[in-house]
Structures are given as C-alpha cells and as structure tokens.
Amino acid sequence: MVTDPVRDWLDKATATDRRRLFNGVDAASGTTGFDAAMQAADSLIQRGDAPDMAMLGMLVRRLADGTEPPAANVDLSIYDTFTTLNMVTGEVA
C-alpha cells in the first residue's frame, strides 16, 4: 500500500519517526484520502525532507487541490553576487 521510497524510509526510521509519519498520514487521509497522503509522503521522502505532520498535511492538501508546483531546476547563481571571496585569507564576506 506504500511506495518503495516510503517503505525503505519506514524500514530505516526510528519508532518515533515511524509513528509521526503514520499519525501524519492518518490526519491527512481524513480530508484528502489515503492515496494522496501516500503520494505526499513519497514526494517528501524523495526530496530528502522529513515527512512530519505539518509538511505532510500542507503538501497533501496542495496535491489534492492540484496546486503543487512542478519541480524545476533553479539557477541560484544570482546569489553569488552577494558574496565575495578574499583571495588572501580565503574568507567569504
């Protein structure tokens, strides 16, 4: 009933983390359904985020409403202009 990434995460998770995920899925399933809750948990786990109740609840509602933005590669090179490297000391300012 769960995807492979969720199953693998559950196998490695502590008892506390498993309980948190199951509580989050239970809470989210009431309004959006189990499949949407599992899709949200899978998405969070694949992104490397902790599938806690708050994140799971927010994402599952977005998925159920069809408002989850598609993942995209973001160019953060603009932020390089905000830092400078001191070539003598090697410090970032």
PDB file of N, CA and C in Angstrom:
ATOM      1  N   MET A   1       0.808  -1.200   0.000  1.00  0.00           N
ATOM      2  CA  MET A   1       0.000   0.000   0.000  1.00  0.00           C
ATOM      3  C   MET A   1       0.850   1.264   0.000  1.00  0.00           C
ATOM      4  N   VAL A   2       2.179   1.118   0.126  1.00  0.00           N
ATOM      5  CA  VAL A   2       3.054   2.283   0.100  1.00  0.00           C
ATOM      6  C   VAL A   2       4.067   2.113  -1.017  1.00  0.00           C
ATOM      7  N   THR A   3       4.638   3.207  -1.443  1.00  0.00           N
ATOM      8  CA  THR A   3       5.640   3.153  -2.496  1.00  0.00           C
ATOM      9  C   THR A   3       6.965   2.644  -1.935  1.00  0.00           C
ATOM     10  N   ASP A   4       7.853   2.262  -2.824  1.00  0.00           N
ATOM     11  CA  ASP A   4       9.157   1.752  -2.393  1.00  0.00           C
ATOM     12  C   ASP A   4       9.940   2.767  -1.565  1.00  0.00           C
ATOM     13  N   PRO A   5      10.009   4.049  -1.956  1.00  0.00           N
ATOM     14  CA  PRO A   5      10.737   5.005  -1.119  1.00  0.00           C
ATOM     15  C   PRO A   5      10.159   5.138   0.293  1.00  0.00           C
ATOM     16  N   VAL A   6       8.832   5.100   0.412  1.00  0.00           N
ATOM     17  CA  VAL A   6       8.212   5.193   1.734  1.00  0.00           C
ATOM     18  C   VAL A   6       8.532   3.930   2.529  1.00  0.00           C
ATOM     19  N   ARG A   7       8.426   2.788   1.893  1.00  0.00           N
ATOM     20  CA  ARG A   7       8.734   1.528   2.578  1.00  0.00           C
ATOM     21  C   ARG A   7      10.176   1.516   3.071  1.00  0.00           C
ATOM     22  N   ASP A   8      11.109   1.915   2.202  1.00  0.00           N
ATOM     23  CA  ASP A   8      12.521   1.943   2.586  1.00  0.00           C
ATOM     24  C   ASP A   8      12.762   2.916   3.738  1.00  0.00           C
ATOM     25  N   TRP A   9      12.109   4.069   3.693  1.00  0.00           N
ATOM     26  CA  TRP A   9      12.251   5.049   4.765  1.00  0.00           C
ATOM     27  C   TRP A   9      11.724   4.479   6.073  1.00  0.00           C
ATOM     28  N   LEU A  10      10.571   3.823   6.012  1.00  0.00           N
ATOM     29  CA  LEU A  10       9.991   3.225   7.213  1.00  0.00           C
ATOM     30  C   LEU A  10      10.893   2.147   7.792  1.00  0.00           C
ATOM     31  N   ASP A  11      11.528   1.372   6.923  1.00  0.00           N
ATOM     32  CA  ASP A  11      12.431   0.308   7.386  1.00  0.00           C
ATOM     33  C   ASP A  11      13.617   0.871   8.160  1.00  0.00           C
ATOM     34  N   LYS A  12      14.060   2.074   7.779  1.00  0.00           N
ATOM     35  CA  LYS A  12      15.237   2.673   8.405  1.00  0.00           C
ATOM     36  C   LYS A  12      14.896   3.627   9.544  1.00  0.00           C
ATOM     37  N   ALA A  13      13.652   4.043   9.626  1.00  0.00           N
ATOM     38  CA  ALA A  13      13.244   5.079  10.586  1.00  0.00           C
ATOM     39  C   ALA A  13      13.190   4.531  12.016  1.00  0.00           C
ATOM     40  N   THR A  14      13.359   5.447  12.944  1.00  0.00           N
ATOM     41  CA  THR A  14      13.182   5.097  14.351  1.00  0.00           C
ATOM     42  C   THR A  14      11.694   4.901  14.626  1.00  0.00           C
ATOM     43  N   ALA A  15      11.390   4.303  15.755  1.00  0.00           N
ATOM     44  CA  ALA A  15       9.986   4.086  16.123  1.00  0.00           C
ATOM     45  C   ALA A  15       9.242   5.414  16.223  1.00  0.00           C
ATOM     46  N   THR A  16       9.901   6.421  16.745  1.00  0.00           N
ATOM     47  CA  THR A  16       9.275   7.747  16.883  1.00  0.00           C
ATOM     48  C   THR A  16       8.975   8.345  15.515  1.00  0.00           C
ATOM     49  N   ASP A  17       9.932   8.250  14.587  1.00  0.00           N
ATOM     50  CA  ASP A  17       9.706   8.804  13.250  1.00  0.00           C
ATOM     51  C   ASP A  17       8.612   8.036  12.499  1.00  0.00           C
ATOM     52  N   ARG A  18       8.578   6.712  12.655  1.00  0.00           N
ATOM     53  CA  ARG A  18       7.507   5.923  12.025  1.00  0.00           C
ATOM     54  C   ARG A  18       6.147   6.349  12.566  1.00  0.00           C
ATOM     55  N   ARG A  19       6.066   6.504  13.876  1.00  0.00           N
ATOM     56  CA  ARG A  19       4.808   6.916  14.498  1.00  0.00           C
ATOM     57  C   ARG A  19       4.375   8.282  13.977  1.00  0.00           C
ATOM     58  N   ARG A  20       5.330   9.209  13.843  1.00  0.00           N
ATOM     59  CA  ARG A  20       4.998  10.544  13.330  1.00  0.00           C
ATOM     60  C   ARG A  20       4.463  10.474  11.906  1.00  0.00           C
ATOM     61  N   LEU A  21       5.098   9.643  11.079  1.00  0.00           N
ATOM     62  CA  LEU A  21       4.619   9.514   9.699  1.00  0.00           C
ATOM     63  C   LEU A  21       3.211   8.926   9.677  1.00  0.00           C
ATOM     64  N   PHE A  22       2.988   7.843  10.436  1.00  0.00           N
ATOM     65  CA  PHE A  22       1.663   7.227  10.446  1.00  0.00           C
ATOM     66  C   PHE A  22       0.600   8.171  11.004  1.00  0.00           C
ATOM     67  N   ASN A  23       0.945   8.943  12.022  1.00  0.00           N
ATOM     68  CA  ASN A  23      -0.001   9.931  12.551  1.00  0.00           C
ATOM     69  C   ASN A  23      -0.303  11.004  11.513  1.00  0.00           C
ATOM     70  N   GLY A  24       0.724  11.450  10.795  1.00  0.00           N
ATOM     71  CA  GLY A  24       0.533  12.450   9.746  1.00  0.00           C
ATOM     72  C   GLY A  24      -0.323  11.930   8.609  1.00  0.00           C
ATOM     73  N   VAL A  25      -0.061  10.699   8.190  1.00  0.00           N
ATOM     74  CA  VAL A  25      -0.854  10.086   7.118  1.00  0.00           C
ATOM     75  C   VAL A  25      -2.298   9.921   7.578  1.00  0.00           C
ATOM     76  N   ASP A  26      -2.490   9.490   8.813  1.00  0.00           N
ATOM     77  CA  ASP A  26      -3.840   9.319   9.347  1.00  0.00           C
ATOM     78  C   ASP A  26      -4.587  10.651   9.352  1.00  0.00           C
ATOM     79  N   ALA A  27      -3.927  11.698   9.822  1.00  0.00           N
ATOM     80  CA  ALA A  27      -4.569  13.017   9.878  1.00  0.00           C
ATOM     81  C   ALA A  27      -4.889  13.539   8.478  1.00  0.00           C
ATOM     82  N   ALA A  28      -3.969  13.359   7.545  1.00  0.00           N
ATOM     83  CA  ALA A  28      -4.168  13.868   6.189  1.00  0.00           C
ATOM     84  C   ALA A  28      -5.183  13.038   5.404  1.00  0.00           C
ATOM     85  N   SER A  29      -5.266  11.761   5.706  1.00  0.00           N
ATOM     86  CA  SER A  29      -6.175  10.875   4.966  1.00  0.00           C
ATOM     87  C   SER A  29      -7.635  11.209   5.198  1.00  0.00           C
ATOM     88  N   GLY A  30      -7.933  11.782   6.345  1.00  0.00           N
ATOM     89  CA  GLY A  30      -9.324  12.090   6.662  1.00  0.00           C
ATOM     90  C   GLY A  30      -9.968  13.051   5.686  1.00  0.00           C
ATOM     91  N   THR A  31      -9.203  14.002   5.178  1.00  0.00           N
ATOM     92  CA  THR A  31      -9.784  15.008   4.286  1.00  0.00           C
ATOM     93  C   THR A  31      -9.408  14.812   2.816  1.00  0.00           C
ATOM     94  N   THR A  32      -8.274  14.139   2.573  1.00  0.00           N
ATOM     95  CA  THR A  32      -7.810  14.028   1.183  1.00  0.00           C
ATOM     96  C   THR A  32      -7.742  12.604   0.679  1.00  0.00           C
ATOM     97  N   GLY A  33      -7.807  11.639   1.559  1.00  0.00           N
ATOM     98  CA  GLY A  33      -7.729  10.240   1.159  1.00  0.00           C
ATOM     99  C   GLY A  33      -6.329   9.676   1.346  1.00  0.00           C
ATOM    100  N   PHE A  34      -6.273   8.364   1.500  1.00  0.00           N
ATOM    101  CA  PHE A  34      -5.016   7.678   1.772  1.00  0.00           C
ATOM    102  C   PHE A  34      -4.032   7.808   0.609  1.00  0.00           C
ATOM    103  N   ASP A  35      -4.510   7.665  -0.623  1.00  0.00           N
ATOM    104  CA  ASP A  35      -3.609   7.724  -1.783  1.00  0.00           C
ATOM    105  C   ASP A  35      -2.898   9.070  -1.886  1.00  0.00           C
ATOM    106  N   ALA A  36      -3.617  10.148  -1.656  1.00  0.00           N
ATOM    107  CA  ALA A  36      -2.999  11.478  -1.701  1.00  0.00           C
ATOM    108  C   ALA A  36      -1.987  11.639  -0.574  1.00  0.00           C
ATOM    109  N   ALA A  37      -2.307  11.105   0.606  1.00  0.00           N
ATOM    110  CA  ALA A  37      -1.381  11.188   1.740  1.00  0.00           C
ATOM    111  C   ALA A  37      -0.107  10.403   1.445  1.00  0.00           C
ATOM    112  N   MET A  38      -0.238   9.241   0.828  1.00  0.00           N
ATOM    113  CA  MET A  38       0.949   8.444   0.470  1.00  0.00           C
ATOM    114  C   MET A  38       1.761   9.129  -0.625  1.00  0.00           C
ATOM    115  N   GLN A  39       1.087   9.765  -1.568  1.00  0.00           N
ATOM    116  CA  GLN A  39       1.790  10.497  -2.620  1.00  0.00           C
ATOM    117  C   GLN A  39       2.590  11.641  -2.020  1.00  0.00           C
ATOM    118  N   ALA A  40       2.016  12.326  -1.058  1.00  0.00           N
ATOM    119  CA  ALA A  40       2.711  13.431  -0.390  1.00  0.00           C
ATOM    120  C   ALA A  40       3.907  12.908   0.403  1.00  0.00           C
ATOM    121  N   ALA A  41       3.722  11.817   1.136  1.00  0.00           N
ATOM    122  CA  ALA A  41       4.826  11.228   1.903  1.00  0.00           C
ATOM    123  C   ALA A  41       5.948  10.798   0.967  1.00  0.00           C
ATOM    124  N   ASP A  42       5.593  10.182  -0.141  1.00  0.00           N
ATOM    125  CA  ASP A  42       6.583   9.754  -1.125  1.00  0.00           C
ATOM    126  C   ASP A  42       7.359  10.941  -1.677  1.00  0.00           C
ATOM    127  N   SER A  43       6.647  11.997  -2.004  1.00  0.00           N
ATOM    128  CA  SER A  43       7.289  13.189  -2.551  1.00  0.00           C
ATOM    129  C   SER A  43       8.266  13.801  -1.551  1.00  0.00           C
ATOM    130  N   LEU A  44       7.847  13.915  -0.295  1.00  0.00           N
ATOM    131  CA  LEU A  44       8.718  14.490   0.739  1.00  0.00           C
ATOM    132  C   LEU A  44       9.964  13.632   0.942  1.00  0.00           C
ATOM    133  N   ILE A  45       9.779  12.339   1.020  1.00  0.00           N
ATOM    134  CA  ILE A  45      10.908  11.434   1.251  1.00  0.00           C
ATOM    135  C   ILE A  45      11.879  11.472   0.080  1.00  0.00           C
ATOM    136  N   GLN A  46      11.368  11.490  -1.139  1.00  0.00           N
ATOM    137  CA  GLN A  46      12.256  11.529  -2.309  1.00  0.00           C
ATOM    138  C   GLN A  46      13.020  12.840  -2.395  1.00  0.00           C
ATOM    139  N   ARG A  47      12.449  13.909  -1.856  1.00  0.00           N
ATOM    140  CA  ARG A  47      13.153  15.195  -1.843  1.00  0.00           C
ATOM    141  C   ARG A  47      14.163  15.272  -0.709  1.00  0.00           C
ATOM    142  N   GLY A  48      14.105  14.306   0.213  1.00  0.00           N
ATOM    143  CA  GLY A  48      15.022  14.318   1.341  1.00  0.00           C
ATOM    144  C   GLY A  48      14.497  15.061   2.550  1.00  0.00           C
ATOM    145  N   ASP A  49      13.219  15.424   2.521  1.00  0.00           N
ATOM    146  CA  ASP A  49      12.605  16.119   3.644  1.00  0.00           C
ATOM    147  C   ASP A  49      12.001  15.116   4.622  1.00  0.00           C
ATOM    148  N   ALA A  50      11.903  15.514   5.867  1.00  0.00           N
ATOM    149  CA  ALA A  50      11.258  14.672   6.873  1.00  0.00           C
ATOM    150  C   ALA A  50       9.749  14.742   6.669  1.00  0.00           C
ATOM    151  N   PRO A  51       9.092  13.608   6.584  1.00  0.00           N
ATOM    152  CA  PRO A  51       7.636  13.622   6.358  1.00  0.00           C
ATOM    153  C   PRO A  51       6.875  13.819   7.664  1.00  0.00           C
ATOM    154  N   ASP A  52       7.067  14.976   8.295  1.00  0.00           N
ATOM    155  CA  ASP A  52       6.368  15.220   9.551  1.00  0.00           C
ATOM    156  C   ASP A  52       4.935  15.686   9.270  1.00  0.00           C
ATOM    157  N   MET A  53       4.148  15.768  10.316  1.00  0.00           N
ATOM    158  CA  MET A  53       2.717  16.038  10.161  1.00  0.00           C
ATOM    159  C   MET A  53       2.450  17.378   9.482  1.00  0.00           C
ATOM    160  N   ALA A  54       3.190  18.401   9.844  1.00  0.00           N
ATOM    161  CA  ALA A  54       2.941  19.730   9.271  1.00  0.00           C
ATOM    162  C   ALA A  54       3.249  19.750   7.779  1.00  0.00           C
ATOM    163  N   MET A  55       4.403  19.244   7.403  1.00  0.00           N
ATOM    164  CA  MET A  55       4.766  19.256   5.982  1.00  0.00           C
ATOM    165  C   MET A  55       3.865  18.337   5.181  1.00  0.00           C
ATOM    166  N   LEU A  56       3.565  17.181   5.743  1.00  0.00           N
ATOM    167  CA  LEU A  56       2.704  16.230   5.058  1.00  0.00           C
ATOM    168  C   LEU A  56       1.314  16.808   4.855  1.00  0.00           C
ATOM    169  N   GLY A  57       0.771  17.415   5.899  1.00  0.00           N
ATOM    170  CA  GLY A  57      -0.559  17.999   5.794  1.00  0.00           C
ATOM    171  C   GLY A  57      -0.639  19.097   4.755  1.00  0.00           C
ATOM    172  N   MET A  58       0.377  19.959   4.724  1.00  0.00           N
ATOM    173  CA  MET A  58       0.388  21.053   3.755  1.00  0.00           C
ATOM    174  C   MET A  58       0.497  20.521   2.328  1.00  0.00           C
ATOM    175  N   LEU A  59       1.426  19.585   2.118  1.00  0.00           N
ATOM    176  CA  LEU A  59       1.637  19.072   0.765  1.00  0.00           C
ATOM    177  C   LEU A  59       0.452  18.255   0.273  1.00  0.00           C
ATOM    178  N   VAL A  60      -0.130  17.454   1.131  1.00  0.00           N
ATOM    179  CA  VAL A  60      -1.254  16.629   0.688  1.00  0.00           C
ATOM    180  C   VAL A  60      -2.443  17.489   0.278  1.00  0.00           C
ATOM    181  N   ARG A  61      -2.662  18.597   0.979  1.00  0.00           N
ATOM    182  CA  ARG A  61      -3.749  19.498   0.573  1.00  0.00           C
ATOM    183  C   ARG A  61      -3.456  20.128  -0.781  1.00  0.00           C
ATOM    184  N   ARG A  62      -2.201  20.504  -1.007  1.00  0.00           N
ATOM    185  CA  ARG A  62      -1.842  21.071  -2.314  1.00  0.00           C
ATOM    186  C   ARG A  62      -2.015  20.043  -3.426  1.00  0.00           C
ATOM    187  N   LEU A  63      -1.569  18.821  -3.173  1.00  0.00           N
ATOM    188  CA  LEU A  63      -1.715  17.772  -4.177  1.00  0.00           C
ATOM    189  C   LEU A  63      -3.181  17.486  -4.464  1.00  0.00           C
ATOM    190  N   ALA A  64      -3.992  17.437  -3.418  1.00  0.00           N
ATOM    191  CA  ALA A  64      -5.419  17.173  -3.596  1.00  0.00           C
ATOM    192  C   ALA A  64      -6.109  18.296  -4.373  1.00  0.00           C
ATOM    193  N   ASP A  65      -5.637  19.522  -4.174  1.00  0.00           N
ATOM    194  CA  ASP A  65      -6.215  20.667  -4.884  1.00  0.00           C
ATOM    195  C   ASP A  65      -5.599  20.860  -6.268  1.00  0.00           C
ATOM    196  N   GLY A  66      -4.542  20.113  -6.552  1.00  0.00           N
ATOM    197  CA  GLY A  66      -3.869  20.264  -7.842  1.00  0.00           C
ATOM    198  C   GLY A  66      -3.029  21.512  -7.931  1.00  0.00           C
ATOM    199  N   THR A  67      -2.557  22.032  -6.786  1.00  0.00           N
ATOM    200  CA  THR A  67      -1.807  23.287  -6.800  1.00  0.00           C
ATOM    201  C   THR A  67      -0.326  23.107  -6.500  1.00  0.00           C
ATOM    202  N   GLU A  68       0.145  21.870  -6.403  1.00  0.00           N
ATOM    203  CA  GLU A  68       1.573  21.662  -6.137  1.00  0.00           C
ATOM    204  C   GLU A  68       2.365  22.084  -7.371  1.00  0.00           C
ATOM    205  N   PRO A  69       3.267  23.043  -7.221  1.00  0.00           N
ATOM    206  CA  PRO A  69       4.039  23.487  -8.387  1.00  0.00           C
ATOM    207  C   PRO A  69       4.991  22.398  -8.840  1.00  0.00           C
ATOM    208  N   PRO A  70       5.201  22.288 -10.143  1.00  0.00           N
ATOM    209  CA  PRO A  70       6.139  21.277 -10.634  1.00  0.00           C
ATOM    210  C   PRO A  70       7.561  21.608 -10.193  1.00  0.00           C
ATOM    211  N   ALA A  71       8.324  20.571  -9.917  1.00  0.00           N
ATOM    212  CA  ALA A  71       9.721  20.771  -9.531  1.00  0.00           C
ATOM    213  C   ALA A  71      10.491  21.313 -10.724  1.00  0.00           C
ATOM    214  N   ALA A  72      11.366  22.221 -10.452  1.00  0.00           N
ATOM    215  CA  ALA A  72      12.158  22.811 -11.521  1.00  0.00           C
ATOM    216  C   ALA A  72      13.565  23.073 -11.002  1.00  0.00           C
ATOM    217  N   ASN A  73      14.505  23.049 -11.914  1.00  0.00           N
ATOM    218  CA  ASN A  73      15.863  23.418 -11.544  1.00  0.00           C
ATOM    219  C   ASN A  73      15.912  24.934 -11.439  1.00  0.00           C
ATOM    220  N   VAL A  74      16.459  25.388 -10.348  1.00  0.00           N
ATOM    221  CA  VAL A  74      16.512  26.822 -10.094  1.00  0.00           C
ATOM    222  C   VAL A  74      17.963  27.274 -10.162  1.00  0.00           C
ATOM    223  N   ASP A  75      18.207  28.336 -10.898  1.00  0.00           N
ATOM    224  CA  ASP A  75      19.554  28.892 -11.006  1.00  0.00           C
ATOM    225  C   ASP A  75      19.762  29.887  -9.876  1.00  0.00           C
ATOM    226  N   LEU A  76      20.595  29.528  -8.905  1.00  0.00           N
ATOM    227  CA  LEU A  76      20.852  30.387  -7.754  1.00  0.00           C
ATOM    228  C   LEU A  76      22.136  31.193  -7.909  1.00  0.00           C
ATOM    229  N   SER A  77      22.678  31.227  -9.111  1.00  0.00           N
ATOM    230  CA  SER A  77      23.941  31.929  -9.307  1.00  0.00           C
ATOM    231  C   SER A  77      23.829  33.428  -9.032  1.00  0.00           C
ATOM    232  N   ILE A  78      22.631  33.981  -9.089  1.00  0.00           N
ATOM    233  CA  ILE A  78      22.457  35.397  -8.787  1.00  0.00           C
ATOM    234  C   ILE A  78      22.933  35.714  -7.377  1.00  0.00           C
ATOM    235  N   TYR A  79      22.834  34.757  -6.462  1.00  0.00           N
ATOM    236  CA  TYR A  79      23.254  34.976  -5.078  1.00  0.00           C
ATOM    237  C   TYR A  79      24.774  35.026  -4.938  1.00  0.00           C
ATOM    238  N   ASP A  80      25.487  34.556  -5.950  1.00  0.00           N
ATOM    239  CA  ASP A  80      26.949  34.646  -5.922  1.00  0.00           C
ATOM    240  C   ASP A  80      27.407  36.093  -5.888  1.00  0.00           C
ATOM    241  N   THR A  81      26.603  37.005  -6.402  1.00  0.00           N
ATOM    242  CA  THR A  81      26.985  38.417  -6.422  1.00  0.00           C
ATOM    243  C   THR A  81      26.924  39.043  -5.027  1.00  0.00           C
ATOM    244  N   PHE A  82      26.258  38.376  -4.104  1.00  0.00           N
ATOM    245  CA  PHE A  82      26.149  38.908  -2.744  1.00  0.00           C
ATOM    246  C   PHE A  82      27.324  38.526  -1.858  1.00  0.00           C
ATOM    247  N   THR A  83      28.172  37.654  -2.331  1.00  0.00           N
ATOM    248  CA  THR A  83      29.331  37.224  -1.541  1.00  0.00           C
ATOM    249  C   THR A  83      30.603  37.519  -2.313  1.00  0.00           C
ATOM    250  N   THR A  84      31.636  37.773  -1.581  1.00  0.00           N
ATOM    251  CA  THR A  84      32.938  37.971  -2.197  1.00  0.00           C
ATOM    252  C   THR A  84      33.940  37.101  -1.465  1.00  0.00           C
ATOM    253  N   LEU A  85      34.944  36.681  -2.172  1.00  0.00           N
ATOM    254  CA  LEU A  85      35.975  35.834  -1.597  1.00  0.00           C
ATOM    255  C   LEU A  85      37.257  36.634  -1.482  1.00  0.00           C
ATOM    256  N   ASN A  86      37.782  36.700  -0.272  1.00  0.00           N
ATOM    257  CA  ASN A  86      39.061  37.364  -0.042  1.00  0.00           C
ATOM    258  C   ASN A  86      40.136  36.379  -0.486  1.00  0.00           C
ATOM    259  N   MET A  87      40.853  36.706  -1.549  1.00  0.00           N
ATOM    260  CA  MET A  87      41.837  35.802  -2.126  1.00  0.00           C
ATOM    261  C   MET A  87      43.056  35.621  -1.213  1.00  0.00           C
ATOM    262  N   VAL A  88      43.287  36.542  -0.297  1.00  0.00           N
ATOM    263  CA  VAL A  88      44.438  36.436   0.599  1.00  0.00           C
ATOM    264  C   VAL A  88      44.132  35.504   1.763  1.00  0.00           C
ATOM    265  N   THR A  89      42.973  35.717   2.402  1.00  0.00           N
ATOM    266  CA  THR A  89      42.636  34.927   3.592  1.00  0.00           C
ATOM    267  C   THR A  89      41.752  33.725   3.281  1.00  0.00           C
ATOM    268  N   GLY A  90      41.092  33.746   2.131  1.00  0.00           N
ATOM    269  CA  GLY A  90      40.184  32.659   1.784  1.00  0.00           C
ATOM    270  C   GLY A  90      38.827  32.775   2.455  1.00  0.00           C
ATOM    271  N   GLU A  91      38.573  33.912   3.115  1.00  0.00           N
ATOM    272  CA  GLU A  91      37.311  34.106   3.819  1.00  0.00           C
ATOM    273  C   GLU A  91      36.238  34.600   2.858  1.00  0.00           C
ATOM    274  N   VAL A  92      35.027  34.152   3.097  1.00  0.00           N
ATOM    275  CA  VAL A  92      33.873  34.617   2.328  1.00  0.00           C
ATOM    276  C   VAL A  92      33.246  35.768   3.090  1.00  0.00           C
ATOM    277  N   ALA A  93      33.032  36.876   2.388  1.00  0.00           N
ATOM    278  CA  ALA A  93      32.434  38.054   3.029  1.00  0.00           C
ATOM    279  C   ALA A  93      31.085  38.335   2.415  1.00  0.00           C
TER     280      ALA A  93
END
